[in-house]
Amino acid sequence: MEVIKRCFRFPQYKSAVPIMDALYNLGLEEMENAIEPDSTFRTGKEWAGVWTRDISYSIILSMATLQPKVAQYSSEKLKIIVSFRIQGQEVLGRSLLTG
C-alpha cells in the first residue's frame, strides 16, 4: 500500500487496537497530502496560503517534529503575512505572496 511505504520515514506506532494504528497512519497521510508545492502546509481544500490558527496548532501538535522544514517555511510565510497586517494593510492570505 502506497500510504504505508510513504509513512515509513516517520515514527511508527503499533498498538493492540488496529483502528488506532490505522488512524495514526491516516494522520501521517493527511500531513503528507497537506504540503503545498511551495513547501508550506495547506490549511484547507478551499483556502490557499497559511493561516495563523491552523499552522500554529498543527506545528504545536507535532508537525514541527515530523516535518521540520515545512513547519519552518510555513512559519516564515506566516510571519510575512502578520507583519503586513500589523502595518495596517489588508491581507487576504495568498494575495501578498502569490499575487
N, C-alpha and C. Protein backbone atom coordinates (compact mmCIF):
# COMPACT_ATOMS: atom_id res chain seq x y z
N MET A 1 0.84 -1.19 0.00
CA MET A 1 0.00 0.00 0.00
C MET A 1 0.89 1.25 0.00
N GLU A 2 0.58 2.21 -0.85
CA GLU A 2 1.39 3.41 -1.01
C GLU A 2 1.53 4.20 0.29
N VAL A 3 0.44 4.33 1.03
CA VAL A 3 0.48 5.08 2.28
C VAL A 3 1.50 4.50 3.23
N ILE A 4 1.50 3.20 3.37
CA ILE A 4 2.43 2.53 4.28
C ILE A 4 3.87 2.82 3.85
N LYS A 5 4.15 2.72 2.56
CA LYS A 5 5.51 2.97 2.07
C LYS A 5 5.96 4.39 2.36
N ARG A 6 5.08 5.36 2.14
CA ARG A 6 5.44 6.76 2.37
C ARG A 6 5.61 7.07 3.85
N CYS A 7 4.93 6.35 4.69
CA CYS A 7 4.94 6.65 6.13
C CYS A 7 6.12 6.04 6.87
N PHE A 8 6.89 5.17 6.24
CA PHE A 8 7.98 4.50 6.94
C PHE A 8 9.07 5.45 7.41
N ARG A 9 9.18 6.61 6.82
CA ARG A 9 10.23 7.54 7.26
C ARG A 9 9.85 8.29 8.53
N PHE A 10 8.62 8.13 8.98
CA PHE A 10 8.15 8.76 10.21
C PHE A 10 8.13 7.74 11.35
N PRO A 11 8.08 8.20 12.59
CA PRO A 11 7.98 7.26 13.71
C PRO A 11 6.76 6.35 13.53
N GLN A 12 6.94 5.09 13.81
CA GLN A 12 5.86 4.12 13.65
C GLN A 12 5.13 3.90 14.97
N TYR A 13 3.86 3.59 14.85
CA TYR A 13 3.02 3.35 16.01
C TYR A 13 2.35 2.00 15.84
N LYS A 14 2.45 1.17 16.83
CA LYS A 14 1.82 -0.15 16.79
C LYS A 14 1.18 -0.40 18.14
N SER A 15 -0.11 -0.71 18.10
CA SER A 15 -0.84 -0.97 19.34
C SER A 15 -1.62 -2.27 19.21
N ALA A 16 -2.33 -2.60 20.25
CA ALA A 16 -3.18 -3.79 20.23
C ALA A 16 -4.54 -3.49 19.59
N VAL A 17 -4.74 -2.23 19.22
CA VAL A 17 -6.02 -1.81 18.64
C VAL A 17 -5.78 -1.38 17.18
N PRO A 18 -6.11 -2.22 16.22
CA PRO A 18 -5.83 -1.92 14.81
C PRO A 18 -6.40 -0.59 14.32
N ILE A 19 -7.56 -0.20 14.82
CA ILE A 19 -8.14 1.07 14.37
C ILE A 19 -7.26 2.26 14.79
N MET A 20 -6.61 2.16 15.94
CA MET A 20 -5.70 3.23 16.37
C MET A 20 -4.48 3.30 15.45
N ASP A 21 -3.98 2.14 15.06
CA ASP A 21 -2.85 2.10 14.12
C ASP A 21 -3.26 2.75 12.79
N ALA A 22 -4.45 2.41 12.32
CA ALA A 22 -4.95 2.96 11.06
C ALA A 22 -5.14 4.47 11.15
N LEU A 23 -5.66 4.95 12.27
CA LEU A 23 -5.85 6.40 12.45
C LEU A 23 -4.52 7.14 12.48
N TYR A 24 -3.54 6.55 13.11
CA TYR A 24 -2.21 7.16 13.15
C TYR A 24 -1.66 7.27 11.73
N ASN A 25 -1.74 6.18 10.96
CA ASN A 25 -1.24 6.19 9.58
C ASN A 25 -2.04 7.15 8.70
N LEU A 26 -3.33 7.26 8.96
CA LEU A 26 -4.16 8.22 8.23
C LEU A 26 -3.70 9.65 8.51
N GLY A 27 -3.36 9.92 9.77
CA GLY A 27 -2.85 11.24 10.12
C GLY A 27 -1.56 11.56 9.39
N LEU A 28 -0.67 10.57 9.27
CA LEU A 28 0.57 10.78 8.53
C LEU A 28 0.28 11.05 7.05
N GLU A 29 -0.66 10.30 6.50
CA GLU A 29 -1.03 10.50 5.10
C GLU A 29 -1.62 11.89 4.89
N GLU A 30 -2.50 12.31 5.79
CA GLU A 30 -3.10 13.65 5.69
C GLU A 30 -2.03 14.73 5.76
N MET A 31 -1.04 14.54 6.62
CA MET A 31 0.04 15.51 6.74
C MET A 31 0.81 15.59 5.42
N GLU A 32 1.14 14.45 4.84
CA GLU A 32 1.87 14.43 3.57
C GLU A 32 1.07 15.10 2.46
N ASN A 33 -0.23 14.86 2.44
CA ASN A 33 -1.08 15.44 1.40
C ASN A 33 -1.31 16.93 1.59
N ALA A 34 -1.00 17.46 2.77
CA ALA A 34 -1.24 18.87 3.08
C ALA A 34 -0.05 19.76 2.74
N ILE A 35 0.97 19.22 2.11
CA ILE A 35 2.14 20.03 1.77
C ILE A 35 1.96 20.60 0.37
N GLU A 36 2.05 21.93 0.30
CA GLU A 36 1.90 22.66 -0.96
C GLU A 36 3.19 22.60 -1.79
N PRO A 37 3.10 22.93 -3.08
CA PRO A 37 4.30 22.99 -3.92
C PRO A 37 5.36 23.96 -3.39
N ASP A 38 4.94 25.00 -2.64
CA ASP A 38 5.92 25.95 -2.09
C ASP A 38 6.47 25.49 -0.74
N SER A 39 6.22 24.23 -0.39
CA SER A 39 6.71 23.61 0.85
C SER A 39 6.13 24.21 2.11
N THR A 40 4.88 24.64 2.06
CA THR A 40 4.16 25.07 3.26
C THR A 40 2.97 24.13 3.44
N PHE A 41 2.42 24.14 4.65
CA PHE A 41 1.24 23.32 4.91
C PHE A 41 0.00 24.00 4.37
N ARG A 42 -0.83 23.27 3.67
CA ARG A 42 -2.12 23.78 3.20
C ARG A 42 -3.08 23.70 4.37
N THR A 43 -3.89 24.72 4.52
CA THR A 43 -4.78 24.76 5.68
C THR A 43 -6.17 24.23 5.37
N GLY A 44 -6.52 24.09 4.13
CA GLY A 44 -7.82 23.54 3.79
C GLY A 44 -8.00 23.47 2.29
N LYS A 45 -8.94 22.67 1.86
CA LYS A 45 -9.15 22.44 0.43
C LYS A 45 -9.44 23.73 -0.32
N GLU A 46 -10.22 24.60 0.26
CA GLU A 46 -10.62 25.84 -0.41
C GLU A 46 -9.83 27.06 0.04
N TRP A 47 -8.82 26.88 0.87
CA TRP A 47 -8.10 28.02 1.44
C TRP A 47 -6.63 27.95 1.07
N ALA A 48 -6.19 28.88 0.25
CA ALA A 48 -4.77 28.94 -0.10
C ALA A 48 -4.02 29.76 0.94
N GLY A 49 -2.73 29.59 0.99
CA GLY A 49 -1.92 30.37 1.92
C GLY A 49 -1.86 29.74 3.29
N VAL A 50 -1.20 30.42 4.19
CA VAL A 50 -1.08 29.93 5.56
C VAL A 50 -1.95 30.77 6.48
N TRP A 51 -2.50 30.14 7.50
CA TRP A 51 -3.40 30.81 8.43
C TRP A 51 -2.88 30.58 9.85
N THR A 52 -2.84 31.64 10.62
CA THR A 52 -2.24 31.62 11.96
C THR A 52 -2.72 30.47 12.82
N ARG A 53 -4.01 30.35 13.02
CA ARG A 53 -4.55 29.33 13.92
C ARG A 53 -4.20 27.93 13.45
N ASP A 54 -4.42 27.65 12.18
CA ASP A 54 -4.20 26.31 11.66
C ASP A 54 -2.73 25.90 11.70
N ILE A 55 -1.87 26.79 11.24
CA ILE A 55 -0.44 26.46 11.21
C ILE A 55 0.12 26.35 12.62
N SER A 56 -0.21 27.30 13.48
CA SER A 56 0.31 27.28 14.85
C SER A 56 -0.11 26.01 15.57
N TYR A 57 -1.38 25.66 15.48
CA TYR A 57 -1.89 24.48 16.16
C TYR A 57 -1.25 23.21 15.61
N SER A 58 -1.12 23.12 14.30
CA SER A 58 -0.50 21.93 13.69
C SER A 58 0.95 21.78 14.11
N ILE A 59 1.67 22.88 14.11
CA ILE A 59 3.09 22.83 14.48
C ILE A 59 3.24 22.44 15.94
N ILE A 60 2.41 22.98 16.80
CA ILE A 60 2.46 22.63 18.22
C ILE A 60 2.16 21.15 18.42
N LEU A 61 1.18 20.62 17.69
CA LEU A 61 0.77 19.23 17.89
C LEU A 61 1.83 18.21 17.51
N SER A 62 2.65 18.48 16.54
CA SER A 62 3.77 17.59 16.23
C SER A 62 4.33 17.75 14.84
N MET A 63 3.71 18.50 14.01
CA MET A 63 4.22 18.59 12.65
C MET A 63 5.62 19.19 12.58
N ALA A 64 5.99 19.99 13.56
CA ALA A 64 7.35 20.54 13.58
C ALA A 64 8.37 19.43 13.77
N THR A 65 7.99 18.39 14.48
CA THR A 65 8.89 17.26 14.69
C THR A 65 8.94 16.37 13.45
N LEU A 66 7.79 16.13 12.84
CA LEU A 66 7.71 15.22 11.70
C LEU A 66 8.11 15.88 10.38
N GLN A 67 7.84 17.16 10.24
CA GLN A 67 8.14 17.90 9.01
C GLN A 67 8.79 19.24 9.37
N PRO A 68 10.00 19.24 9.91
CA PRO A 68 10.60 20.48 10.40
C PRO A 68 10.78 21.56 9.34
N LYS A 69 11.19 21.21 8.14
CA LYS A 69 11.39 22.22 7.10
C LYS A 69 10.07 22.84 6.65
N VAL A 70 9.04 22.01 6.48
CA VAL A 70 7.74 22.53 6.07
C VAL A 70 7.17 23.42 7.17
N ALA A 71 7.34 23.03 8.42
CA ALA A 71 6.89 23.86 9.54
C ALA A 71 7.63 25.20 9.54
N GLN A 72 8.92 25.16 9.27
CA GLN A 72 9.72 26.39 9.23
C GLN A 72 9.24 27.29 8.09
N TYR A 73 9.06 26.75 6.89
CA TYR A 73 8.62 27.56 5.75
C TYR A 73 7.24 28.15 6.01
N SER A 74 6.34 27.35 6.60
CA SER A 74 5.00 27.84 6.90
C SER A 74 5.06 28.97 7.92
N SER A 75 5.89 28.82 8.93
CA SER A 75 6.04 29.86 9.95
C SER A 75 6.62 31.14 9.35
N GLU A 76 7.61 30.99 8.49
CA GLU A 76 8.22 32.17 7.86
C GLU A 76 7.23 32.89 6.96
N LYS A 77 6.44 32.15 6.22
CA LYS A 77 5.43 32.76 5.35
C LYS A 77 4.37 33.45 6.19
N LEU A 78 3.99 32.83 7.29
CA LEU A 78 3.01 33.42 8.20
C LEU A 78 3.55 34.72 8.79
N LYS A 79 4.82 34.74 9.12
CA LYS A 79 5.45 35.94 9.69
C LYS A 79 5.35 37.11 8.71
N ILE A 80 5.52 36.86 7.44
CA ILE A 80 5.40 37.91 6.42
C ILE A 80 3.98 38.45 6.40
N ILE A 81 3.00 37.57 6.40
CA ILE A 81 1.60 37.99 6.35
C ILE A 81 1.24 38.79 7.59
N VAL A 82 1.64 38.31 8.77
CA VAL A 82 1.32 39.00 10.01
C VAL A 82 1.97 40.37 10.04
N SER A 83 3.20 40.50 9.58
CA SER A 83 3.87 41.80 9.62
C SER A 83 3.15 42.81 8.73
N PHE A 84 2.59 42.38 7.61
CA PHE A 84 1.83 43.30 6.77
C PHE A 84 0.52 43.70 7.43
N ARG A 85 -0.10 42.81 8.15
CA ARG A 85 -1.34 43.14 8.85
C ARG A 85 -1.08 44.15 9.95
N ILE A 86 0.03 44.00 10.65
CA ILE A 86 0.37 44.92 11.72
C ILE A 86 0.60 46.32 11.16
N GLN A 87 1.12 46.43 9.97
CA GLN A 87 1.38 47.73 9.36
C GLN A 87 0.11 48.37 8.80
N GLY A 88 -1.03 47.74 9.03
CA GLY A 88 -2.31 48.32 8.64
C GLY A 88 -2.76 48.02 7.22
N GLN A 89 -2.12 47.11 6.57
CA GLN A 89 -2.52 46.75 5.21
C GLN A 89 -3.43 45.53 5.25
N GLU A 90 -4.42 45.53 4.40
CA GLU A 90 -5.33 44.38 4.32
C GLU A 90 -4.65 43.24 3.57
N VAL A 91 -4.69 42.08 4.16
CA VAL A 91 -4.06 40.91 3.55
C VAL A 91 -5.09 39.80 3.50
N LEU A 92 -5.23 39.20 2.36
CA LEU A 92 -6.14 38.06 2.22
C LEU A 92 -5.33 36.82 1.89
N GLY A 93 -4.60 36.31 2.86
CA GLY A 93 -3.83 35.09 2.69
C GLY A 93 -2.79 35.16 1.60
N ARG A 94 -3.08 34.58 0.47
CA ARG A 94 -2.10 34.43 -0.60
C ARG A 94 -1.80 35.71 -1.36
N SER A 95 -2.61 36.76 -1.22
CA SER A 95 -2.50 37.92 -2.09
C SER A 95 -1.12 38.56 -2.10
N LEU A 96 -0.47 38.68 -0.97
CA LEU A 96 0.84 39.32 -0.93
C LEU A 96 1.93 38.46 -1.51
N LEU A 97 1.77 37.17 -1.42
CA LEU A 97 2.86 36.28 -1.79
C LEU A 97 2.68 35.63 -3.14
N THR A 98 1.44 35.49 -3.59
CA THR A 98 1.23 34.81 -4.86
C THR A 98 0.50 35.68 -5.87
N GLY A 99 0.21 36.91 -5.49
CA GLY A 99 -0.45 37.83 -6.42
C GLY A 99 -1.90 37.71 -6.30
